[in-house]
Amino acid sequence: YRSNFTFLDRTTGEHLVRMVSLYEKGYEVFGSVPSFNSWMHKPAFGLGNQIPFNLLETPGGTDLVTEEVLRIEFGDLA
């Protein structure tokens, strides 16, 4: 986008903001980006054994992963 001197459309921009927020929370909960990335690439029980990283393609999937990280933060793993 920068090299073409164009702006992100609203939907893409909002999705990017959600992903940045997710990684900030993941860093906070897991203590490091490598630890969070490791979790992101393994099946997560709370997500129906789906791999969290694979859900990041859509804003809704990103929200589901964020909700799971929040559950982990507060110890609600069931």
C-alpha atoms as a PDB file:
ATOM      1  CA  TYR A   1       0.000   0.000   0.000  1.00  0.00           C
ATOM      2  CA  ARG A   2       2.785   2.396   0.856  1.00  0.00           C
ATOM      3  CA  SER A   3       4.631   1.823  -2.423  1.00  0.00           C
ATOM      4  CA  ASN A   4       1.392   2.411  -4.348  1.00  0.00           C
ATOM      5  CA  PHE A   5       0.507   5.495  -2.283  1.00  0.00           C
ATOM      6  CA  THR A   6      -2.865   3.998  -1.382  1.00  0.00           C
ATOM      7  CA  PHE A   7      -4.668   3.541   1.907  1.00  0.00           C
ATOM      8  CA  LEU A   8      -6.085   0.406   3.465  1.00  0.00           C
ATOM      9  CA  ASP A   9      -9.817   0.065   3.066  1.00  0.00           C
ATOM     10  CA  ARG A  10     -11.823   0.298   6.284  1.00  0.00           C
ATOM     11  CA  THR A  11     -12.401  -3.462   6.633  1.00  0.00           C
ATOM     12  CA  THR A  12      -8.735  -4.341   6.155  1.00  0.00           C
ATOM     13  CA  GLY A  13      -7.642  -1.583   8.513  1.00  0.00           C
ATOM     14  CA  GLU A  14     -10.010  -2.735  11.253  1.00  0.00           C
ATOM     15  CA  HIS A  15      -8.861  -6.335  10.829  1.00  0.00           C
ATOM     16  CA  LEU A  16      -5.240  -5.226  11.125  1.00  0.00           C
ATOM     17  CA  VAL A  17      -6.025  -3.318  14.333  1.00  0.00           C
ATOM     18  CA  ARG A  18      -7.721  -6.451  15.753  1.00  0.00           C
ATOM     19  CA  MET A  19      -4.640  -8.534  14.951  1.00  0.00           C
ATOM     20  CA  VAL A  20      -2.270  -6.009  16.550  1.00  0.00           C
ATOM     21  CA  SER A  21      -4.453  -5.987  19.674  1.00  0.00           C
ATOM     22  CA  LEU A  22      -4.471  -9.789  19.709  1.00  0.00           C
ATOM     23  CA  TYR A  23      -0.675  -9.940  19.589  1.00  0.00           C
ATOM     24  CA  GLU A  24      -0.364  -7.336  22.333  1.00  0.00           C
ATOM     25  CA  LYS A  25      -2.677  -9.401  24.554  1.00  0.00           C
ATOM     26  CA  GLY A  26      -0.906 -12.625  23.561  1.00  0.00           C
ATOM     27  CA  TYR A  27       2.439 -11.141  24.568  1.00  0.00           C
ATOM     28  CA  GLU A  28       0.942 -10.065  27.893  1.00  0.00           C
ATOM     29  CA  VAL A  29      -0.639 -13.458  28.624  1.00  0.00           C
ATOM     30  CA  PHE A  30       2.123 -15.755  27.324  1.00  0.00           C
ATOM     31  CA  GLY A  31       5.089 -13.607  28.360  1.00  0.00           C
ATOM     32  CA  SER A  32       6.812 -13.525  24.982  1.00  0.00           C
ATOM     33  CA  VAL A  33       6.015 -13.428  21.294  1.00  0.00           C
ATOM     34  CA  PRO A  34       7.740 -16.800  20.634  1.00  0.00           C
ATOM     35  CA  SER A  35       5.602 -18.480  23.324  1.00  0.00           C
ATOM     36  CA  PHE A  36       2.454 -16.924  21.906  1.00  0.00           C
ATOM     37  CA  ASN A  37       3.405 -17.899  18.353  1.00  0.00           C
ATOM     38  CA  SER A  38       4.006 -21.460  19.527  1.00  0.00           C
ATOM     39  CA  TRP A  39       0.482 -21.573  20.992  1.00  0.00           C
ATOM     40  CA  MET A  40      -0.933 -20.003  17.819  1.00  0.00           C
ATOM     41  CA  HIS A  41       0.326 -22.932  15.727  1.00  0.00           C
ATOM     42  CA  LYS A  42      -1.037 -25.785  17.863  1.00  0.00           C
ATOM     43  CA  PRO A  43      -4.634 -27.043  18.075  1.00  0.00           C
ATOM     44  CA  ALA A  44      -6.520 -25.215  20.829  1.00  0.00           C
ATOM     45  CA  PHE A  45      -9.103 -27.144  22.841  1.00  0.00           C
ATOM     46  CA  GLY A  46     -11.245 -24.044  23.417  1.00  0.00           C
ATOM     47  CA  LEU A  47     -11.410 -23.455  19.667  1.00  0.00           C
ATOM     48  CA  GLY A  48     -12.635 -26.940  18.849  1.00  0.00           C
ATOM     49  CA  ASN A  49      -9.051 -28.144  18.322  1.00  0.00           C
ATOM     50  CA  GLN A  50      -8.583 -25.703  15.466  1.00  0.00           C
ATOM     51  CA  ILE A  51      -5.202 -24.044  15.000  1.00  0.00           C
ATOM     52  CA  PRO A  52      -5.608 -20.413  16.121  1.00  0.00           C
ATOM     53  CA  PHE A  53      -3.325 -19.029  13.404  1.00  0.00           C
ATOM     54  CA  ASN A  54      -5.591 -20.489  10.729  1.00  0.00           C
ATOM     55  CA  LEU A  55      -8.513 -18.473  12.082  1.00  0.00           C
ATOM     56  CA  LEU A  56      -6.803 -15.104  11.573  1.00  0.00           C
ATOM     57  CA  GLU A  57      -7.942 -14.814   7.960  1.00  0.00           C
ATOM     58  CA  THR A  58     -11.231 -13.217   8.984  1.00  0.00           C
ATOM     59  CA  PRO A  59     -12.142 -10.574  11.568  1.00  0.00           C
ATOM     60  CA  GLY A  60     -14.566 -13.027  13.188  1.00  0.00           C
ATOM     61  CA  GLY A  61     -11.856 -15.664  13.505  1.00  0.00           C
ATOM     62  CA  THR A  62      -9.485 -13.117  14.996  1.00  0.00           C
ATOM     63  CA  ASP A  63     -12.162 -12.249  17.557  1.00  0.00           C
ATOM     64  CA  LEU A  64     -12.567 -15.943  18.459  1.00  0.00           C
ATOM     65  CA  VAL A  65      -8.825 -16.291  19.041  1.00  0.00           C
ATOM     66  CA  THR A  66      -8.797 -13.112  21.133  1.00  0.00           C
ATOM     67  CA  GLU A  67     -11.656 -14.452  23.268  1.00  0.00           C
ATOM     68  CA  GLU A  68      -9.724 -17.698  23.809  1.00  0.00           C
ATOM     69  CA  VAL A  69      -6.615 -15.779  24.902  1.00  0.00           C
ATOM     70  CA  LEU A  70      -8.766 -13.843  27.371  1.00  0.00           C
ATOM     71  CA  ARG A  71     -10.169 -17.109  28.735  1.00  0.00           C
ATOM     72  CA  ILE A  72      -6.618 -18.395  29.178  1.00  0.00           C
ATOM     73  CA  GLU A  73      -5.656 -15.168  30.933  1.00  0.00           C
ATOM     74  CA  PHE A  74      -8.415 -15.657  33.496  1.00  0.00           C
ATOM     75  CA  GLY A  75      -7.945 -19.419  33.847  1.00  0.00           C
ATOM     76  CA  ASP A  76     -11.219 -20.401  32.162  1.00  0.00           C
ATOM     77  CA  LEU A  77      -9.931 -23.301  30.089  1.00  0.00           C
ATOM     78  CA  ALA A  78     -13.138 -25.339  29.904  1.00  0.00           C
END
